[in-house]
PDB file of all heavy atoms in Angstrom:
ATOM      1  N   ASP A   1     104.967 109.877  94.852  1.00  0.00           N
ATOM      2  CA  ASP A   1     105.000 109.863  93.428  1.00  0.00           C
ATOM      3  C   ASP A   1     105.894 108.814  92.822  1.00  0.00           C
ATOM      4  O   ASP A   1     105.643 108.433  91.596  1.00  0.00           O
ATOM      5  CB  ASP A   1     105.577 111.226  92.965  1.00  0.00           C
ATOM      6  CG  ASP A   1     104.810 112.393  93.633  1.00  0.00           C
ATOM      7  OD1 ASP A   1     104.809 112.462  94.915  1.00  0.00           O
ATOM      8  OD2 ASP A   1     104.254 113.227  92.838  1.00  0.00           O
ATOM      9  N   TYR A   2     106.956 108.366  93.524  1.00  0.00           N
ATOM     10  CA  TYR A   2     107.933 107.487  92.955  1.00  0.00           C
ATOM     11  C   TYR A   2     107.761 106.086  93.446  1.00  0.00           C
ATOM     12  O   TYR A   2     108.597 105.229  93.130  1.00  0.00           O
ATOM     13  CB  TYR A   2     109.363 108.027  93.383  1.00  0.00           C
ATOM     14  CG  TYR A   2     109.643 109.459  92.955  1.00  0.00           C
ATOM     15  CD1 TYR A   2     109.543 110.420  93.974  1.00  0.00           C
ATOM     16  CD2 TYR A   2     109.744 109.784  91.669  1.00  0.00           C
ATOM     17  CE1 TYR A   2     109.754 111.856  93.544  1.00  0.00           C
ATOM     18  CE2 TYR A   2     109.964 111.118  91.205  1.00  0.00           C
ATOM     19  CZ  TYR A   2     109.970 112.082  92.191  1.00  0.00           C
ATOM     20  OH  TYR A   2     110.221 113.454  91.858  1.00  0.00           O
ATOM     21  N   TYR A   3     106.658 105.811  94.105  1.00  0.00           N
ATOM     22  CA  TYR A   3     106.515 104.455  94.627  1.00  0.00           C
ATOM     23  C   TYR A   3     105.091 103.932  94.296  1.00  0.00           C
ATOM     24  O   TYR A   3     104.109 104.530  94.510  1.00  0.00           O
ATOM     25  CB  TYR A   3     106.701 104.436  96.138  1.00  0.00           C
ATOM     26  CG  TYR A   3     108.208 104.642  96.493  1.00  0.00           C
ATOM     27  CD1 TYR A   3     108.609 105.902  96.629  1.00  0.00           C
ATOM     28  CD2 TYR A   3     108.962 103.514  96.692  1.00  0.00           C
ATOM     29  CE1 TYR A   3     109.968 106.098  97.001  1.00  0.00           C
ATOM     30  CE2 TYR A   3     110.314 103.686  97.046  1.00  0.00           C
ATOM     31  CZ  TYR A   3     110.828 104.985  97.139  1.00  0.00           C
ATOM     32  OH  TYR A   3     112.174 105.218  97.568  1.00  0.00           O
ATOM     33  N   SER A   4     105.195 102.649  93.932  1.00  0.00           N
ATOM     34  CA  SER A   4     103.902 101.943  93.721  1.00  0.00           C
ATOM     35  C   SER A   4     103.523 101.386  95.156  1.00  0.00           C
ATOM     36  O   SER A   4     104.457 101.037  95.837  1.00  0.00           O
ATOM     37  CB  SER A   4     103.933 100.798  92.686  1.00  0.00           C
ATOM     38  OG  SER A   4     104.280 101.449  91.507  1.00  0.00           O
ATOM     39  N   ILE A   5     102.267 101.240  95.340  1.00  0.00           N
ATOM     40  CA  ILE A   5     101.770 100.775  96.708  1.00  0.00           C
ATOM     41  C   ILE A   5     100.907  99.518  96.493  1.00  0.00           C
ATOM     42  O   ILE A   5     100.101  99.536  95.611  1.00  0.00           O
ATOM     43  CB  ILE A   5     100.861 101.844  97.418  1.00  0.00           C
ATOM     44  CG1 ILE A   5     101.772 103.104  97.684  1.00  0.00           C
ATOM     45  CG2 ILE A   5     100.373 101.277  98.729  1.00  0.00           C
ATOM     46  CD1 ILE A   5     102.971 102.919  98.735  1.00  0.00           C
ATOM     47  N   GLY A   6     101.271  98.552  97.348  1.00  0.00           N
ATOM     48  CA  GLY A   6     100.426  97.334  97.324  1.00  0.00           C
ATOM     49  C   GLY A   6      99.622  97.165  98.593  1.00  0.00           C
ATOM     50  O   GLY A   6      99.961  97.692  99.612  1.00  0.00           O
ATOM     51  N   TRP A   7      98.505  96.644  98.422  1.00  0.00           N
ATOM     52  CA  TRP A   7      97.690  96.258  99.658  1.00  0.00           C
ATOM     53  C   TRP A   7      97.717  94.677  99.818  1.00  0.00           C
ATOM     54  O   TRP A   7      97.485  94.011  98.829  1.00  0.00           O
ATOM     55  CB  TRP A   7      96.229  96.680  99.459  1.00  0.00           C
ATOM     56  CG  TRP A   7      96.014  98.222  99.765  1.00  0.00           C
ATOM     57  CD1 TRP A   7      95.884  99.195  98.794  1.00  0.00           C
ATOM     58  CD2 TRP A   7      95.716  98.789 100.999  1.00  0.00           C
ATOM     59  NE1 TRP A   7      95.654 100.394  99.468  1.00  0.00           N
ATOM     60  CE2 TRP A   7      95.666 100.095 100.774  1.00  0.00           C
ATOM     61  CE3 TRP A   7      95.717  98.306 102.300  1.00  0.00           C
ATOM     62  CZ2 TRP A   7      95.312 101.029 101.804  1.00  0.00           C
ATOM     63  CZ3 TRP A   7      95.518  99.128 103.297  1.00  0.00           C
ATOM     64  CH2 TRP A   7      95.341 100.496 103.046  1.00  0.00           C
ATOM     65  N   PHE A   8      97.857  94.286 101.034  1.00  0.00           N
ATOM     66  CA  PHE A   8      97.938  92.893 101.415  1.00  0.00           C
ATOM     67  C   PHE A   8      97.055  92.584 102.595  1.00  0.00           C
ATOM     68  O   PHE A   8      96.677  93.493 103.320  1.00  0.00           O
ATOM     69  CB  PHE A   8      99.419  92.502 101.693  1.00  0.00           C
ATOM     70  CG  PHE A   8     100.336  92.985 100.621  1.00  0.00           C
ATOM     71  CD1 PHE A   8     100.835  94.236 100.730  1.00  0.00           C
ATOM     72  CD2 PHE A   8     100.721  92.208  99.652  1.00  0.00           C
ATOM     73  CE1 PHE A   8     101.836  94.733  99.704  1.00  0.00           C
ATOM     74  CE2 PHE A   8     101.510  92.565  98.625  1.00  0.00           C
ATOM     75  CZ  PHE A   8     102.072  93.910  98.698  1.00  0.00           C
ATOM     76  N   ARG A   9      96.679  91.313 102.639  1.00  0.00           N
ATOM     77  CA  ARG A   9      96.053  90.889 103.965  1.00  0.00           C
ATOM     78  C   ARG A   9      96.439  89.518 104.413  1.00  0.00           C
ATOM     79  O   ARG A   9      97.050  88.752 103.586  1.00  0.00           O
ATOM     80  CB  ARG A   9      94.476  90.896 103.587  1.00  0.00           C
ATOM     81  CG  ARG A   9      94.007  89.817 102.594  1.00  0.00           C
ATOM     82  CD  ARG A   9      92.571  89.911 102.343  1.00  0.00           C
ATOM     83  NE  ARG A   9      92.140  88.843 101.344  1.00  0.00           N
ATOM     84  CZ  ARG A   9      90.943  88.832 100.809  1.00  0.00           C
ATOM     85  NH1 ARG A   9      90.037  89.689 101.217  1.00  0.00           N
ATOM     86  NH2 ARG A   9      90.593  87.817 100.091  1.00  0.00           N
ATOM     87  N   GLN A  10      96.219  89.381 105.755  1.00  0.00           N
ATOM     88  CA  GLN A  10      96.662  88.072 106.274  1.00  0.00           C
ATOM     89  C   GLN A  10      95.545  87.733 107.268  1.00  0.00           C
ATOM     90  O   GLN A  10      95.348  88.333 108.240  1.00  0.00           O
ATOM     91  CB  GLN A  10      97.982  88.250 107.029  1.00  0.00           C
ATOM     92  CG  GLN A  10      98.505  86.967 107.556  1.00  0.00           C
ATOM     93  CD  GLN A  10     100.041  86.998 107.966  1.00  0.00           C
ATOM     94  OE1 GLN A  10     100.605  88.075 108.008  1.00  0.00           O
ATOM     95  NE2 GLN A  10     100.627  85.839 108.073  1.00  0.00           N
ATOM     96  N   GLY A  11      94.916  86.634 106.951  1.00  0.00           N
ATOM     97  CA  GLY A  11      93.826  86.187 107.760  1.00  0.00           C
ATOM     98  C   GLY A  11      94.374  85.292 108.783  1.00  0.00           C
ATOM     99  O   GLY A  11      95.488  84.796 108.757  1.00  0.00           O
ATOM    100  N   PRO A  12      93.588  84.861 109.833  1.00  0.00           N
ATOM    101  CA  PRO A  12      94.071  83.953 110.842  1.00  0.00           C
ATOM    102  C   PRO A  12      94.504  82.588 110.318  1.00  0.00           C
ATOM    103  O   PRO A  12      93.793  82.060 109.476  1.00  0.00           O
ATOM    104  CB  PRO A  12      92.786  83.715 111.676  1.00  0.00           C
ATOM    105  CG  PRO A  12      91.874  84.883 111.366  1.00  0.00           C
ATOM    106  CD  PRO A  12      92.208  85.170 109.971  1.00  0.00           C
ATOM    107  N   GLY A  13      95.751  82.222 110.542  1.00  0.00           N
ATOM    108  CA  GLY A  13      96.275  80.977 110.175  1.00  0.00           C
ATOM    109  C   GLY A  13      96.663  80.936 108.617  1.00  0.00           C
ATOM    110  O   GLY A  13      96.918  79.847 108.090  1.00  0.00           O
ATOM    111  N   LYS A  14      96.597  82.016 107.992  1.00  0.00           N
ATOM    112  CA  LYS A  14      96.933  82.110 106.484  1.00  0.00           C
ATOM    113  C   LYS A  14      98.142  82.942 106.208  1.00  0.00           C
ATOM    114  O   LYS A  14      98.627  83.753 107.128  1.00  0.00           O
ATOM    115  CB  LYS A  14      95.748  82.794 105.745  1.00  0.00           C
ATOM    116  CG  LYS A  14      94.373  81.989 105.894  1.00  0.00           C
ATOM    117  CD  LYS A  14      93.350  82.661 105.166  1.00  0.00           C
ATOM    118  CE  LYS A  14      92.109  81.917 105.250  1.00  0.00           C
ATOM    119  NZ  LYS A  14      90.897  82.579 104.476  1.00  0.00           N
ATOM    120  N   GLU A  15      98.673  82.719 105.078  1.00  0.00           N
ATOM    121  CA  GLU A  15      99.874  83.651 104.635  1.00  0.00           C
ATOM    122  C   GLU A  15      99.368  84.880 104.128  1.00  0.00           C
ATOM    123  O   GLU A  15      98.215  85.056 103.764  1.00  0.00           O
ATOM    124  CB  GLU A  15     100.626  82.713 103.569  1.00  0.00           C
ATOM    125  CG  GLU A  15     101.282  81.539 103.931  1.00  0.00           C
ATOM    126  CD  GLU A  15     102.207  80.882 102.901  1.00  0.00           C
ATOM    127  OE1 GLU A  15     102.269  81.451 101.717  1.00  0.00           O
ATOM    128  OE2 GLU A  15     102.864  79.967 103.212  1.00  0.00           O
ATOM    129  N   ARG A  16     100.277  85.829 104.248  1.00  0.00           N
ATOM    130  CA  ARG A  16     100.000  87.135 103.691  1.00  0.00           C
ATOM    131  C   ARG A  16      99.813  86.997 102.095  1.00  0.00           C
ATOM    132  O   ARG A  16     100.515  86.389 101.437  1.00  0.00           O
ATOM    133  CB  ARG A  16     101.024  88.131 104.040  1.00  0.00           C
ATOM    134  CG  ARG A  16     100.795  89.555 103.683  1.00  0.00           C
ATOM    135  CD  ARG A  16     101.882  90.568 104.283  1.00  0.00           C
ATOM    136  NE  ARG A  16     101.793  90.425 105.710  1.00  0.00           N
ATOM    137  CZ  ARG A  16     102.719  91.310 106.446  1.00  0.00           C
ATOM    138  NH1 ARG A  16     103.502  92.054 105.920  1.00  0.00           N
ATOM    139  NH2 ARG A  16     102.629  91.180 107.773  1.00  0.00           N
ATOM    140  N   GLU A  17      98.770  87.643 101.650  1.00  0.00           N
ATOM    141  CA  GLU A  17      98.501  87.604 100.191  1.00  0.00           C
ATOM    142  C   GLU A  17      98.275  89.100  99.651  1.00  0.00           C
ATOM    143  O   GLU A  17      97.781  89.977 100.374  1.00  0.00           O
ATOM    144  CB  GLU A  17      97.182  86.837  99.942  1.00  0.00           C
ATOM    145  CG  GLU A  17      95.888  87.339 100.565  1.00  0.00           C
ATOM    146  CD  GLU A  17      94.751  86.687 100.057  1.00  0.00           C
ATOM    147  OE1 GLU A  17      94.757  85.950  99.031  1.00  0.00           O
ATOM    148  OE2 GLU A  17      93.684  86.818 100.670  1.00  0.00           O
ATOM    149  N   GLY A  18      98.647  89.235  98.434  1.00  0.00           N
ATOM    150  CA  GLY A  18      98.428  90.535  97.846  1.00  0.00           C
ATOM    151  C   GLY A  18      96.975  90.586  97.262  1.00  0.00           C
ATOM    152  O   GLY A  18      96.605  89.640  96.701  1.00  0.00           O
ATOM    153  N   VAL A  19      96.307  91.744  97.497  1.00  0.00           N
ATOM    154  CA  VAL A  19      94.943  91.854  97.044  1.00  0.00           C
ATOM    155  C   VAL A  19      94.819  92.906  95.928  1.00  0.00           C
ATOM    156  O   VAL A  19      94.008  92.934  95.137  1.00  0.00           O
ATOM    157  CB  VAL A  19      93.952  92.155  98.122  1.00  0.00           C
ATOM    158  CG1 VAL A  19      93.769  90.931  99.127  1.00  0.00           C
ATOM    159  CG2 VAL A  19      94.340  93.480  98.971  1.00  0.00           C
ATOM    160  N   SER A  20      95.719  93.935  95.992  1.00  0.00           N
ATOM    161  CA  SER A  20      95.637  95.003  95.083  1.00  0.00           C
ATOM    162  C   SER A  20      96.899  95.747  95.000  1.00  0.00           C
ATOM    163  O   SER A  20      97.775  95.799  95.964  1.00  0.00           O
ATOM    164  CB  SER A  20      94.526  96.017  95.356  1.00  0.00           C
ATOM    165  OG  SER A  20      94.351  96.961  94.362  1.00  0.00           O
ATOM    166  N   CYS A  21      97.224  96.492  93.842  1.00  0.00           N
ATOM    167  CA  CYS A  21      98.275  97.390  93.900  1.00  0.00           C
ATOM    168  C   CYS A  21      98.001  98.622  92.911  1.00  0.00           C
ATOM    169  O   CYS A  21      97.099  98.455  92.051  1.00  0.00           O
ATOM    170  CB  CYS A  21      99.648  96.707  93.490  1.00  0.00           C
ATOM    171  SG  CYS A  21      99.685  96.056  91.916  1.00  0.00           S
ATOM    172  N   ASN A  22      98.690  99.677  93.153  1.00  0.00           N
ATOM    173  CA  ASN A  22      98.490 100.857  92.375  1.00  0.00           C
ATOM    174  C   ASN A  22      99.745 101.425  91.934  1.00  0.00           C
ATOM    175  O   ASN A  22     100.679 101.653  92.774  1.00  0.00           O
ATOM    176  CB  ASN A  22      97.800 101.919  93.225  1.00  0.00           C
ATOM    177  CG  ASN A  22      97.526 103.226  92.450  1.00  0.00           C
ATOM    178  OD1 ASN A  22      98.518 104.044  92.244  1.00  0.00           O
ATOM    179  ND2 ASN A  22      96.267 103.493  92.147  1.00  0.00           N
ATOM    180  N   SER A  23      99.998 101.568  90.643  1.00  0.00           N
ATOM    181  CA  SER A  23     101.326 101.805  90.110  1.00  0.00           C
ATOM    182  C   SER A  23     101.497 103.344  90.116  1.00  0.00           C
ATOM    183  O   SER A  23     100.635 104.029  89.681  1.00  0.00           O
ATOM    184  CB  SER A  23     101.424 101.233  88.752  1.00  0.00           C
ATOM    185  OG  SER A  23     102.668 101.755  88.018  1.00  0.00           O
ATOM    186  N   ALA A  24     102.725 103.738  90.538  1.00  0.00           N
ATOM    187  CA  ALA A  24     103.139 105.160  90.478  1.00  0.00           C
ATOM    188  C   ALA A  24     103.295 105.638  89.080  1.00  0.00           C
ATOM    189  O   ALA A  24     103.330 106.769  88.744  1.00  0.00           O
ATOM    190  CB  ALA A  24     104.237 105.466  91.358  1.00  0.00           C
ATOM    191  N   ARG A  25     103.690 104.633  88.210  1.00  0.00           N
ATOM    192  CA  ARG A  25     104.017 105.042  86.804  1.00  0.00           C
ATOM    193  C   ARG A  25     102.833 105.662  86.044  1.00  0.00           C
ATOM    194  O   ARG A  25     103.092 106.740  85.414  1.00  0.00           O
ATOM    195  CB  ARG A  25     104.477 103.787  86.000  1.00  0.00           C
ATOM    196  CG  ARG A  25     104.955 104.023  84.635  1.00  0.00           C
ATOM    197  CD  ARG A  25     105.565 102.835  83.997  1.00  0.00           C
ATOM    198  NE  ARG A  25     106.919 102.594  84.597  1.00  0.00           N
ATOM    199  CZ  ARG A  25     107.162 101.529  85.368  1.00  0.00           C
ATOM    200  NH1 ARG A  25     106.280 100.603  85.508  1.00  0.00           N
ATOM    201  NH2 ARG A  25     108.415 101.367  85.855  1.00  0.00           N
ATOM    202  N   ASP A  26     101.681 105.092  86.094  1.00  0.00           N
ATOM    203  CA  ASP A  26     100.559 105.612  85.424  1.00  0.00           C
ATOM    204  C   ASP A  26      99.206 105.310  86.105  1.00  0.00           C
ATOM    205  O   ASP A  26      98.161 105.437  85.583  1.00  0.00           O
ATOM    206  CB  ASP A  26     100.420 104.899  84.087  1.00  0.00           C
ATOM    207  CG  ASP A  26     100.430 103.282  84.183  1.00  0.00           C
ATOM    208  OD1 ASP A  26     100.342 102.814  85.371  1.00  0.00           O
ATOM    209  OD2 ASP A  26     100.415 102.595  83.222  1.00  0.00           O
ATOM    210  N   SER A  27      99.341 105.131  87.480  1.00  0.00           N
ATOM    211  CA  SER A  27      98.094 104.858  88.378  1.00  0.00           C
ATOM    212  C   SER A  27      97.358 103.611  87.888  1.00  0.00           C
ATOM    213  O   SER A  27      96.177 103.473  88.342  1.00  0.00           O
ATOM    214  CB  SER A  27      97.150 106.129  88.380  1.00  0.00           C
ATOM    215  OG  SER A  27      97.881 107.078  89.205  1.00  0.00           O
ATOM    216  N   SER A  28      97.960 102.759  87.122  1.00  0.00           N
ATOM    217  CA  SER A  28      97.298 101.597  86.785  1.00  0.00           C
ATOM    218  C   SER A  28      97.059 100.664  88.021  1.00  0.00           C
ATOM    219  O   SER A  28      97.896 100.867  88.913  1.00  0.00           O
ATOM    220  CB  SER A  28      97.993 100.770  85.650  1.00  0.00           C
ATOM    221  OG  SER A  28      99.327 100.481  86.020  1.00  0.00           O
ATOM    222  N   THR A  29      96.126  99.728  87.960  1.00  0.00           N
ATOM    223  CA  THR A  29      95.779  98.914  89.184  1.00  0.00           C
ATOM    224  C   THR A  29      95.782  97.492  88.808  1.00  0.00           C
ATOM    225  O   THR A  29      95.574  97.075  87.637  1.00  0.00           O
ATOM    226  CB  THR A  29      94.551  99.375  89.792  1.00  0.00           C
ATOM    227  OG1 THR A  29      93.494  99.245  88.724  1.00  0.00           O
ATOM    228  CG2 THR A  29      94.509 100.823  90.248  1.00  0.00           C
ATOM    229  N   ARG A  30      95.917  96.643  89.812  1.00  0.00           N
ATOM    230  CA  ARG A  30      95.770  95.182  89.738  1.00  0.00           C
ATOM    231  C   ARG A  30      94.998  94.776  90.975  1.00  0.00           C
ATOM    232  O   ARG A  30      95.077  95.265  91.968  1.00  0.00           O
ATOM    233  CB  ARG A  30      97.087  94.537  89.668  1.00  0.00           C
ATOM    234  CG  ARG A  30      97.936  94.668  88.350  1.00  0.00           C
ATOM    235  CD  ARG A  30      99.173  93.875  88.479  1.00  0.00           C
ATOM    236  NE  ARG A  30      98.963  92.391  88.310  1.00  0.00           N
ATOM    237  CZ  ARG A  30      99.809  91.446  88.428  1.00  0.00           C
ATOM    238  NH1 ARG A  30     101.086  91.776  88.722  1.00  0.00           N
ATOM    239  NH2 ARG A  30      99.593  90.323  88.243  1.00  0.00           N
ATOM    240  N   TYR A  31      94.300  93.602  90.721  1.00  0.00           N
ATOM    241  CA  TYR A  31      93.501  93.058  91.830  1.00  0.00           C
ATOM    242  C   TYR A  31      93.677  91.574  91.806  1.00  0.00           C
ATOM    243  O   TYR A  31      93.695  90.934  90.590  1.00  0.00           O
ATOM    244  CB  TYR A  31      92.090  93.444  91.617  1.00  0.00           C
ATOM    245  CG  TYR A  31      91.857  94.846  91.682  1.00  0.00           C
ATOM    246  CD1 TYR A  31      91.686  95.661  90.524  1.00  0.00           C
ATOM    247  CD2 TYR A  31      91.677  95.553  92.852  1.00  0.00           C
ATOM    248  CE1 TYR A  31      91.534  97.054  90.550  1.00  0.00           C
ATOM    249  CE2 TYR A  31      91.538  96.931  93.016  1.00  0.00           C
ATOM    250  CZ  TYR A  31      91.394  97.643  91.802  1.00  0.00           C
ATOM    251  OH  TYR A  31      91.299  98.965  91.783  1.00  0.00           O
ATOM    252  N   ALA A  32      93.643  90.947  92.979  1.00  0.00           N
ATOM    253  CA  ALA A  32      93.566  89.478  93.031  1.00  0.00           C
ATOM    254  C   ALA A  32      92.166  89.075  92.477  1.00  0.00           C
ATOM    255  O   ALA A  32      91.244  89.795  92.695  1.00  0.00           O
ATOM    256  CB  ALA A  32      93.813  89.025  94.477  1.00  0.00           C
ATOM    257  N   ASP A  33      91.998  87.898  91.954  1.00  0.00           N
ATOM    258  CA  ASP A  33      90.881  87.410  91.433  1.00  0.00           C
ATOM    259  C   ASP A  33      89.657  87.433  92.539  1.00  0.00           C
ATOM    260  O   ASP A  33      88.569  87.719  92.195  1.00  0.00           O
ATOM    261  CB  ASP A  33      90.981  85.972  90.913  1.00  0.00           C
ATOM    262  CG  ASP A  33      91.791  85.961  89.574  1.00  0.00           C
ATOM    263  OD1 ASP A  33      92.006  87.135  89.013  1.00  0.00           O
ATOM    264  OD2 ASP A  33      92.144  84.910  89.129  1.00  0.00           O
ATOM    265  N   SER A  34      90.099  87.186  93.729  1.00  0.00           N
ATOM    266  CA  SER A  34      89.130  86.880  94.837  1.00  0.00           C
ATOM    267  C   SER A  34      88.527  88.356  95.239  1.00  0.00           C
ATOM    268  O   SER A  34      87.416  88.422  95.775  1.00  0.00           O
ATOM    269  CB  SER A  34      89.777  86.381  96.123  1.00  0.00           C
ATOM    270  OG  SER A  34      90.876  87.205  96.464  1.00  0.00           O
ATOM    271  N   VAL A  35      89.040  89.436  94.699  1.00  0.00           N
ATOM    272  CA  VAL A  35      88.492  90.686  95.139  1.00  0.00           C
ATOM    273  C   VAL A  35      87.963  91.591  94.007  1.00  0.00           C
ATOM    274  O   VAL A  35      87.523  92.675  94.292  1.00  0.00           O
ATOM    275  CB  VAL A  35      89.418  91.466  96.059  1.00  0.00           C
ATOM    276  CG1 VAL A  35      89.984  90.594  97.230  1.00  0.00           C
ATOM    277  CG2 VAL A  35      90.700  92.039  95.186  1.00  0.00           C
ATOM    278  N   LYS A  36      88.240  91.157  92.778  1.00  0.00           N
ATOM    279  CA  LYS A  36      87.884  91.831  91.687  1.00  0.00           C
ATOM    280  C   LYS A  36      86.383  92.202  91.639  1.00  0.00           C
ATOM    281  O   LYS A  36      85.579  91.456  91.908  1.00  0.00           O
ATOM    282  CB  LYS A  36      88.245  91.072  90.362  1.00  0.00           C
ATOM    283  CG  LYS A  36      89.685  91.166  89.866  1.00  0.00           C
ATOM    284  CD  LYS A  36      89.806  90.400  88.646  1.00  0.00           C
ATOM    285  CE  LYS A  36      91.384  90.423  88.243  1.00  0.00           C
ATOM    286  NZ  LYS A  36      91.704  89.618  87.032  1.00  0.00           N
ATOM    287  N   GLY A  37      86.081  93.531  91.383  1.00  0.00           N
ATOM    288  CA  GLY A  37      84.745  93.990  91.342  1.00  0.00           C
ATOM    289  C   GLY A  37      84.286  94.524  92.683  1.00  0.00           C
ATOM    290  O   GLY A  37      83.196  95.111  92.779  1.00  0.00           O
ATOM    291  N   ARG A  38      84.920  94.254  93.695  1.00  0.00           N
ATOM    292  CA  ARG A  38      84.611  94.690  95.129  1.00  0.00           C
ATOM    293  C   ARG A  38      85.579  95.650  95.715  1.00  0.00           C
ATOM    294  O   ARG A  38      85.250  96.387  96.607  1.00  0.00           O
ATOM    295  CB  ARG A  38      84.443  93.470  96.002  1.00  0.00           C
ATOM    296  CG  ARG A  38      83.372  92.494  95.541  1.00  0.00           C
ATOM    297  CD  ARG A  38      83.125  91.379  96.546  1.00  0.00           C
ATOM    298  NE  ARG A  38      84.290  90.625  96.917  1.00  0.00           N
ATOM    299  CZ  ARG A  38      84.892  90.586  98.175  1.00  0.00           C
ATOM    300  NH1 ARG A  38      84.367  91.301  99.162  1.00  0.00           N
ATOM    301  NH2 ARG A  38      85.952  89.838  98.382  1.00  0.00           N
ATOM    302  N   PHE A  39      86.850  95.485  95.262  1.00  0.00           N
ATOM    303  CA  PHE A  39      87.967  96.414  95.866  1.00  0.00           C
ATOM    304  C   PHE A  39      88.354  97.449  94.701  1.00  0.00           C
ATOM    305  O   PHE A  39      88.429  97.027  93.610  1.00  0.00           O
ATOM    306  CB  PHE A  39      89.128  95.516  96.267  1.00  0.00           C
ATOM    307  CG  PHE A  39      88.956  94.712  97.516  1.00  0.00           C
ATOM    308  CD1 PHE A  39      87.806  94.263  97.833  1.00  0.00           C
ATOM    309  CD2 PHE A  39      90.143  94.394  98.138  1.00  0.00           C
ATOM    310  CE1 PHE A  39      87.676  93.450  99.062  1.00  0.00           C
ATOM    311  CE2 PHE A  39      89.965  93.639  99.400  1.00  0.00           C
ATOM    312  CZ  PHE A  39      88.719  93.178  99.748  1.00  0.00           C
ATOM    313  N   THR A  40      88.588  98.557  95.269  1.00  0.00           N
ATOM    314  CA  THR A  40      89.114  99.643  94.315  1.00  0.00           C
ATOM    315  C   THR A  40      90.206 100.416  95.000  1.00  0.00           C
ATOM    316  O   THR A  40      90.007 100.975  96.070  1.00  0.00           O
ATOM    317  CB  THR A  40      88.023 100.645  93.910  1.00  0.00           C
ATOM    318  OG1 THR A  40      86.870  99.955  93.347  1.00  0.00           O
ATOM    319  CG2 THR A  40      88.474 101.717  92.895  1.00  0.00           C
ATOM    320  N   VAL A  41      91.334 100.471  94.275  1.00  0.00           N
ATOM    321  CA  VAL A  41      92.545 101.147  94.868  1.00  0.00           C
ATOM    322  C   VAL A  41      92.733 102.457  94.187  1.00  0.00           C
ATOM    323  O   VAL A  41      92.550 102.577  92.989  1.00  0.00           O
ATOM    324  CB  VAL A  41      93.799 100.250  94.953  1.00  0.00           C
ATOM    325  CG1 VAL A  41      94.211  99.945  93.434  1.00  0.00           C
ATOM    326  CG2 VAL A  41      94.998 100.989  95.568  1.00  0.00           C
ATOM    327  N   SER A  42      93.011 103.538  94.882  1.00  0.00           N
ATOM    328  CA  SER A  42      93.371 104.794  94.341  1.00  0.00           C
ATOM    329  C   SER A  42      94.302 105.506  95.172  1.00  0.00           C
ATOM    330  O   SER A  42      94.676 105.147  96.277  1.00  0.00           O
ATOM    331  CB  SER A  42      92.023 105.694  94.323  1.00  0.00           C
ATOM    332  OG  SER A  42      91.491 105.821  95.567  1.00  0.00           O
ATOM    333  N   ARG A  43      94.960 106.573  94.590  1.00  0.00           N
ATOM    334  CA  ARG A  43      96.002 107.350  95.273  1.00  0.00           C
ATOM    335  C   ARG A  43      95.711 108.879  95.143  1.00  0.00           C
ATOM    336  O   ARG A  43      95.166 109.333  94.190  1.00  0.00           O
ATOM    337  CB  ARG A  43      97.371 106.943  94.783  1.00  0.00           C
ATOM    338  CG  ARG A  43      97.653 107.385  93.351  1.00  0.00           C
ATOM    339  CD  ARG A  43      99.137 107.323  92.985  1.00  0.00           C
ATOM    340  NE  ARG A  43      99.747 105.954  93.239  1.00  0.00           N
ATOM    341  CZ  ARG A  43     100.940 105.866  93.662  1.00  0.00           C
ATOM    342  NH1 ARG A  43     101.725 106.872  93.825  1.00  0.00           N
ATOM    343  NH2 ARG A  43     101.417 104.575  93.900  1.00  0.00           N
ATOM    344  N   ASP A  44      96.201 109.573  96.161  1.00  0.00           N
ATOM    345  CA  ASP A  44      96.197 111.004  96.062  1.00  0.00           C
ATOM    346  C   ASP A  44      97.541 111.372  96.497  1.00  0.00           C
ATOM    347  O   ASP A  44      98.046 111.531  97.685  1.00  0.00           O
ATOM    348  CB  ASP A  44      95.127 111.511  97.129  1.00  0.00           C
ATOM    349  CG  ASP A  44      95.097 113.036  97.068  1.00  0.00           C
ATOM    350  OD1 ASP A  44      95.932 113.696  96.584  1.00  0.00           O
ATOM    351  OD2 ASP A  44      93.974 113.620  97.524  1.00  0.00           O
TER     352      ASP A  44
END
Protein backbone atom coordinates (compact mmCIF):
# COMPACT_ATOMS: atom_id res chain seq x y z
CA ASP A 1 0.00 0.00 0.00
CA TYR A 2 2.85 2.41 0.74
CA TYR A 3 5.07 1.66 -2.24
CA SER A 4 4.90 2.36 -5.90
CA ILE A 5 6.19 -0.44 -8.10
CA GLY A 6 8.15 -0.13 -11.28
CA TRP A 7 8.70 -2.70 -13.99
CA PHE A 8 12.01 -2.76 -15.83
CA ARG A 9 13.68 -4.88 -18.44
CA GLN A 10 17.19 -5.56 -19.57
CA GLY A 11 17.84 -7.13 -22.92
CA PRO A 12 21.10 -8.73 -24.03
CA GLY A 13 23.83 -6.11 -24.19
CA LYS A 14 21.45 -3.34 -23.18
CA GLU A 15 21.01 -1.15 -20.14
CA ARG A 16 18.13 -1.69 -17.80
CA GLU A 17 15.15 0.43 -18.83
CA GLY A 18 11.91 1.31 -17.18
CA VAL A 19 8.79 0.12 -18.99
CA SER A 20 5.98 0.85 -16.56
CA CYS A 21 5.11 1.87 -13.04
CA ASN A 22 2.07 1.87 -10.79
CA SER A 23 1.68 4.49 -8.12
CA ALA A 24 0.54 3.55 -4.63
CA ARG A 25 -0.85 7.07 -4.20
CA ASP A 26 -3.73 6.66 -6.65
CA SER A 27 -2.90 3.59 -8.77
CA SER A 28 -2.02 5.87 -11.65
CA THR A 29 0.26 4.33 -14.23
CA ARG A 30 3.02 5.30 -16.63
CA TYR A 31 4.43 3.53 -19.64
CA ALA A 32 7.48 3.87 -21.81
CA ASP A 33 6.60 4.94 -25.34
CA SER A 34 7.86 1.63 -26.70
CA VAL A 35 5.22 -0.36 -24.80
CA LYS A 36 2.21 1.95 -24.71
CA GLY A 37 -0.94 0.20 -25.81
CA ARG A 38 0.58 -3.26 -25.27
CA PHE A 39 1.54 -3.31 -21.58
CA THR A 40 -0.88 -2.86 -18.70
CA VAL A 41 0.22 -2.63 -15.07
CA SER A 42 -2.13 -3.24 -12.17
CA ARG A 43 -1.92 -4.02 -8.47
CA ASP A 44 -3.80 -6.07 -5.92
